[in-house]
Amino acid sequence: MPVALVLGTRVQADGTPAPFLAARLEIARELYATGKVQAILVSGDNMRHEYNEPEAMQRWLIERGVPADKVVLDYAGFDTYDSCARAKRIFGVERATLVTQQFHLARAVTVCRHLGVDAIGVGDETAREYGRTWQFASAREYGASIKAALDVLSGRDPVHLGRRETGIDDALRTG
């Protein structure tokens, strides 16, 4: 798969990725470093000026050696459905390796596939060390799966669509 799609999650008050997000980013960095992907699309929430998941993800990846021109930002990945829909419709992603936590992986891959992205996934399990958080997030998946099914069945548009962006095309074109 040429593109890693990293799904956003919480950024700390100081603008650094929280542990779940840092674990996702480390997987994406490894995928890039080993040549398994040629570009990384970071998709997350930037609904408020003072909160910016995509830029926090970009900064983390660049600080750890991923070239800036290989990291593409999606500022409107407000949920899994929006991230997958925008990857396909805005960024032109046809095939992707999704990067998230293991408990979220089945839903994320299923949603992306239903939206036309040939998706596989890599799930992080190191977050299990955060026992209660892991348990809560795993339990949350039940409700989130119902919402995802309704989103897919409704065929709703993402919160923000916009024009086609060429960032992924450009990242894949450069050596």
Protein backbone atom coordinates (compact mmCIF):
# COMPACT_ATOMS: atom_id res chain seq x y z
CA MET A 1 0.00 0.00 0.00
CA PRO A 2 1.57 3.30 -1.01
CA VAL A 3 -0.07 5.48 1.65
CA ALA A 4 -0.34 5.22 5.43
CA LEU A 5 -3.49 6.87 6.75
CA VAL A 6 -2.95 7.79 10.40
CA LEU A 7 -6.22 8.44 12.17
CA GLY A 8 -6.03 11.23 14.71
CA THR A 9 -6.79 11.14 18.38
CA ARG A 10 -6.04 13.29 21.40
CA VAL A 11 -3.27 15.86 21.46
CA GLN A 12 -2.11 17.08 24.86
CA ALA A 13 -2.45 20.68 26.03
CA ASP A 14 1.18 21.38 25.11
CA GLY A 15 0.49 20.33 21.51
CA THR A 16 2.27 16.98 21.64
CA PRO A 17 0.59 13.72 20.72
CA ALA A 18 -0.94 11.81 23.63
CA PRO A 19 0.38 8.23 24.06
CA PHE A 20 -2.24 6.56 21.82
CA LEU A 21 -1.47 8.99 19.01
CA ALA A 22 2.30 8.76 19.50
CA ALA A 23 2.03 4.98 19.19
CA ARG A 24 0.15 5.35 15.90
CA LEU A 25 2.75 7.78 14.62
CA GLU A 26 5.60 5.43 15.52
CA ILE A 27 3.97 2.71 13.44
CA ALA A 28 3.61 5.10 10.50
CA ARG A 29 7.23 6.19 10.87
CA GLU A 30 8.34 2.56 10.81
CA LEU A 31 6.20 1.83 7.75
CA TYR A 32 7.83 4.74 5.95
CA ALA A 33 11.37 3.93 7.13
CA THR A 34 11.07 0.33 5.94
CA GLY A 35 9.65 1.34 2.55
CA LYS A 36 6.24 -0.19 3.12
CA VAL A 37 4.58 3.17 2.41
CA GLN A 38 5.80 6.12 0.38
CA ALA A 39 3.59 8.82 1.92
CA ILE A 40 1.74 9.43 5.18
CA LEU A 41 -1.66 11.12 5.35
CA VAL A 42 -2.33 12.39 8.88
CA SER A 43 -6.03 12.99 9.40
CA GLY A 44 -7.42 14.65 12.47
CA ASP A 45 -9.35 17.37 14.20
CA ASN A 46 -8.58 21.05 13.78
CA MET A 47 -12.05 22.37 14.56
CA ARG A 48 -10.68 24.93 17.02
CA HIS A 49 -7.73 27.25 16.39
CA GLU A 50 -5.94 26.17 19.57
CA TYR A 51 -6.30 22.43 18.90
CA ASN A 52 -4.56 20.87 15.91
CA GLU A 53 -4.08 17.13 15.61
CA PRO A 54 -2.68 17.12 12.04
CA GLU A 55 0.07 19.65 12.74
CA ALA A 56 1.03 17.85 15.96
CA MET A 57 1.28 14.60 13.98
CA GLN A 58 3.29 16.24 11.20
CA ARG A 59 5.71 17.81 13.68
CA TRP A 60 6.23 14.47 15.48
CA LEU A 61 6.95 12.61 12.23
CA ILE A 62 9.33 15.25 10.86
CA GLU A 63 11.23 15.42 14.16
CA ARG A 64 11.80 11.68 13.81
CA GLY A 65 13.13 11.77 10.28
CA VAL A 66 10.16 11.54 7.93
CA PRO A 67 10.67 14.11 5.15
CA ALA A 68 8.16 16.97 5.30
CA ASP A 69 7.14 16.44 1.67
CA LYS A 70 6.03 12.89 2.53
CA VAL A 71 3.60 13.98 5.27
CA VAL A 72 0.26 15.29 4.05
CA LEU A 73 -2.23 16.93 6.41
CA ASP A 74 -5.99 16.47 6.47
CA TYR A 75 -7.40 19.07 8.84
CA ALA A 76 -10.98 17.78 8.70
CA GLY A 77 -10.72 14.17 9.84
CA PHE A 78 -13.27 14.64 12.60
CA ASP A 79 -14.12 10.96 12.81
CA THR A 80 -13.17 7.70 11.12
CA TYR A 81 -15.84 8.07 8.44
CA ASP A 82 -14.73 11.60 7.54
CA SER A 83 -11.07 10.56 7.45
CA CYS A 84 -11.78 7.67 5.09
CA ALA A 85 -14.19 9.63 2.89
CA ARG A 86 -11.79 12.55 2.60
CA ALA A 87 -8.82 10.26 1.92
CA LYS A 88 -10.71 8.93 -1.11
CA ARG A 89 -12.62 11.99 -2.32
CA ILE A 90 -10.27 14.87 -1.46
CA PHE A 91 -6.82 13.26 -1.51
CA GLY A 92 -7.44 10.60 -4.16
CA VAL A 93 -6.24 7.70 -2.02
CA GLU A 94 -7.10 4.39 -3.68
CA ARG A 95 -5.07 2.07 -1.44
CA ALA A 96 -3.99 2.66 2.15
CA THR A 97 -2.57 1.10 5.26
CA LEU A 98 -4.65 2.42 8.15
CA VAL A 99 -2.81 3.09 11.38
CA THR A 100 -4.74 3.17 14.65
CA GLN A 101 -5.16 1.15 17.84
CA GLN A 102 -6.01 -2.53 17.52
CA PHE A 103 -9.46 -2.11 19.09
CA HIS A 104 -10.37 0.45 16.39
CA LEU A 105 -8.86 -1.34 13.42
CA ALA A 106 -11.75 -3.53 12.22
CA ARG A 107 -14.17 -0.61 12.15
CA ALA A 108 -11.69 1.70 10.44
CA VAL A 109 -10.77 -0.79 7.71
CA THR A 110 -14.42 -1.67 7.12
CA VAL A 111 -15.47 1.97 6.79
CA CYS A 112 -12.64 2.78 4.39
CA ARG A 113 -13.40 -0.25 2.25
CA HIS A 114 -17.08 0.69 2.06
CA LEU A 115 -16.03 4.15 0.90
CA GLY A 116 -13.87 2.79 -1.90
CA VAL A 117 -10.41 2.70 -0.33
CA ASP A 118 -8.62 -0.64 -0.67
CA ALA A 119 -7.52 -0.73 2.96
CA ILE A 120 -5.50 -2.92 5.24
CA GLY A 121 -4.53 -1.95 8.75
CA VAL A 122 -1.88 -2.01 11.42
CA GLY A 123 -3.08 -1.75 14.99
CA ASP A 124 -1.10 -0.65 18.00
CA GLU A 125 -1.46 -2.66 21.19
CA THR A 126 1.09 -0.91 23.40
CA ALA A 127 -1.72 1.26 24.70
CA ARG A 128 -2.96 -1.73 26.71
CA GLU A 129 -0.64 -0.52 29.46
CA TYR A 130 -3.21 2.24 30.05
CA GLY A 131 -5.67 -0.30 31.45
CA ARG A 132 -8.78 1.74 32.14
CA THR A 133 -8.34 3.93 29.08
CA TRP A 134 -7.91 0.85 26.88
CA GLN A 135 -10.99 -0.77 28.41
CA PHE A 136 -13.08 2.38 27.96
CA ALA A 137 -11.94 2.84 24.38
CA SER A 138 -12.58 -0.81 23.57
CA ALA A 139 -16.09 -0.58 25.02
CA ARG A 140 -16.70 2.68 23.13
CA GLU A 141 -16.18 0.75 19.89
CA TYR A 142 -19.63 -0.82 20.21
CA GLY A 143 -21.41 2.52 19.95
CA ALA A 144 -18.93 3.83 17.41
CA SER A 145 -19.57 0.79 15.23
CA ILE A 146 -23.29 1.52 15.18
CA LYS A 147 -22.58 5.14 14.20
CA ALA A 148 -20.17 3.96 11.49
CA ALA A 149 -22.78 1.58 10.07
CA LEU A 150 -25.34 4.39 9.96
CA ASP A 151 -22.81 6.70 8.30
CA VAL A 152 -21.98 4.11 5.65
CA LEU A 153 -25.63 3.27 5.02
CA SER A 154 -26.61 6.94 4.75
CA GLY A 155 -23.70 7.75 2.45
CA ARG A 156 -23.41 11.14 4.12
CA ASP A 157 -20.82 13.64 3.00
CA PRO A 158 -17.96 14.40 5.38
CA VAL A 159 -18.42 17.50 7.55
CA HIS A 160 -16.08 19.38 5.18
CA LEU A 161 -15.54 18.33 1.60
CA GLY A 162 -13.72 20.96 -0.41
CA ARG A 163 -11.67 20.73 -3.56
CA ARG A 164 -9.42 17.88 -4.61
CA GLU A 165 -5.98 18.23 -3.03
CA THR A 166 -2.82 16.92 -4.67
CA GLY A 167 -0.61 16.47 -1.61
CA ILE A 168 -0.64 12.67 -1.78
CA ASP A 169 -0.08 12.68 -5.54
CA ASP A 170 2.87 15.04 -5.06
CA ALA A 171 4.32 12.96 -2.22
CA LEU A 172 4.11 9.77 -4.27
CA ARG A 173 5.63 11.44 -7.32
CA THR A 174 8.77 12.64 -5.55
CA GLY A 175 11.58 10.15 -4.99
